[in-house]
């Protein structure tokens, strides 16, 4: 009987810890401008800062999905990091100097990407 009670206590505490962990995770979807797979890699790498669990940019929809811990970072911090590599989002615009550093095919304002 004692073993059963210990086993149930462990199970209950595991469920409680898992529930707490899920509450500490947020998901944001934001439009980020880009053209190609090179943009995808650059955007995802820039979005992957401390506290980010997953960052995925879809080339067709131009939507960046970020899963992160709000206790360690924020959506604005992620978007600032993306803007610093030259990609504007619907919330934070990239500086012209950062945009001009992009390869020619990745300069999304010109629509000249052929891949």
Protein backbone atom coordinates (compact mmCIF):
# COMPACT_ATOMS: atom_id res chain seq x y z
CA UNK A 1 0.00 0.00 0.00
CA UNK A 2 2.83 2.35 0.82
CA UNK A 3 4.38 1.76 -2.61
CA UNK A 4 1.12 2.64 -4.31
CA UNK A 5 0.85 5.92 -2.41
CA UNK A 6 4.46 6.84 -3.27
CA UNK A 7 3.85 5.95 -6.90
CA UNK A 8 0.68 8.09 -7.02
CA UNK A 9 2.51 11.00 -5.37
CA UNK A 10 5.24 10.84 -8.01
CA UNK A 11 2.71 10.73 -10.84
CA UNK A 12 0.76 13.69 -9.44
CA UNK A 13 3.88 15.79 -8.98
CA UNK A 14 5.05 14.97 -12.52
CA UNK A 15 1.73 16.13 -13.96
CA UNK A 16 1.92 19.34 -11.92
CA UNK A 17 5.45 20.09 -13.13
CA UNK A 18 4.45 19.44 -16.75
CA UNK A 19 1.44 21.77 -16.42
CA UNK A 20 3.65 24.52 -15.00
CA UNK A 21 6.12 24.13 -17.87
CA UNK A 22 3.41 24.51 -20.53
CA UNK A 23 2.21 27.82 -19.05
CA UNK A 24 5.67 29.30 -19.43
CA UNK A 25 5.65 28.96 -23.23
CA UNK A 26 4.20 31.47 -25.71
CA UNK A 27 3.71 31.29 -29.46
CA UNK A 28 3.72 34.28 -31.82
CA UNK A 29 3.01 34.42 -35.55
CA UNK A 30 4.24 37.52 -37.34
CA UNK A 31 4.66 38.40 -40.99
CA UNK A 32 8.36 38.86 -41.87
CA UNK A 33 9.40 39.93 -45.35
CA UNK A 34 11.77 37.76 -47.36
CA UNK A 35 12.14 35.97 -50.69
CA UNK A 36 13.96 32.67 -50.69
CA UNK A 37 15.50 29.82 -48.74
CA UNK A 38 18.53 31.98 -47.95
CA UNK A 39 16.13 34.42 -46.30
CA UNK A 40 14.49 31.54 -44.44
CA UNK A 41 17.79 30.42 -42.96
CA UNK A 42 18.80 33.99 -42.03
CA UNK A 43 15.43 34.82 -40.45
CA UNK A 44 15.24 31.59 -38.46
CA UNK A 45 18.84 31.93 -37.24
CA UNK A 46 18.25 35.54 -36.18
CA UNK A 47 15.00 34.63 -34.40
CA UNK A 48 16.66 31.85 -32.47
CA UNK A 49 17.87 33.92 -29.50
CA UNK A 50 18.09 32.89 -25.83
CA UNK A 51 14.66 31.74 -24.64
CA UNK A 52 13.39 30.73 -28.09
CA UNK A 53 12.42 27.07 -28.37
CA UNK A 54 11.48 27.03 -32.06
CA UNK A 55 11.52 29.48 -34.94
CA UNK A 56 10.10 28.64 -38.35
CA UNK A 57 9.56 30.97 -41.32
CA UNK A 58 7.30 29.95 -44.21
CA UNK A 59 8.47 31.29 -47.57
CA UNK A 60 5.00 31.15 -49.16
CA UNK A 61 3.04 32.91 -46.43
CA UNK A 62 6.01 34.92 -45.10
CA UNK A 63 4.88 34.07 -41.57
CA UNK A 64 7.39 33.55 -38.78
CA UNK A 65 6.19 31.26 -36.00
CA UNK A 66 8.18 31.58 -32.79
CA UNK A 67 7.76 29.46 -29.67
CA UNK A 68 9.53 31.05 -26.71
CA UNK A 69 9.66 31.45 -22.94
CA UNK A 70 8.29 34.87 -21.93
CA UNK A 71 10.37 34.71 -18.75
CA UNK A 72 13.55 34.74 -20.84
CA UNK A 73 12.70 36.84 -23.92
CA UNK A 74 9.88 38.65 -25.71
CA UNK A 75 8.38 38.76 -29.17
CA UNK A 76 9.82 42.26 -29.64
CA UNK A 77 13.33 41.04 -28.78
CA UNK A 78 13.00 38.32 -31.41
CA UNK A 79 11.73 40.77 -34.04
CA UNK A 80 14.51 43.24 -33.22
CA UNK A 81 17.04 40.48 -33.83
CA UNK A 82 15.38 39.67 -37.17
CA UNK A 83 15.34 43.36 -38.14
CA UNK A 84 19.08 43.64 -37.42
CA UNK A 85 19.79 41.09 -40.17
CA UNK A 86 17.73 43.15 -42.66
CA UNK A 87 14.25 41.63 -42.57
CA UNK A 88 11.28 43.82 -41.67
CA UNK A 89 8.25 42.50 -39.86
CA UNK A 90 4.78 43.94 -39.52
CA UNK A 91 5.81 45.26 -36.09
CA UNK A 92 9.47 46.31 -36.50
CA UNK A 93 11.08 47.65 -39.67
CA UNK A 94 14.67 46.89 -40.58
CA UNK A 95 17.04 49.83 -40.86
CA UNK A 96 18.01 50.76 -44.44
CA UNK A 97 21.67 50.04 -43.69
CA UNK A 98 20.80 46.50 -42.53
CA UNK A 99 18.50 45.93 -45.53
CA UNK A 100 21.22 46.98 -47.98
CA UNK A 101 23.58 44.36 -46.52
CA UNK A 102 21.28 41.60 -47.79
CA UNK A 103 22.34 39.69 -50.92
CA UNK A 104 20.70 41.03 -54.07
CA UNK A 105 18.22 38.15 -54.37
CA UNK A 106 17.15 38.61 -50.75
CA UNK A 107 16.28 42.29 -51.12
CA UNK A 108 12.53 41.73 -50.93
CA UNK A 109 11.57 45.31 -51.81
CA UNK A 110 12.83 44.86 -55.37
CA UNK A 111 11.08 41.53 -56.10
CA UNK A 112 14.04 40.36 -58.21
CA UNK A 113 14.59 36.95 -56.63
CA UNK A 114 14.64 34.19 -59.26
CA UNK A 115 14.80 31.16 -56.95
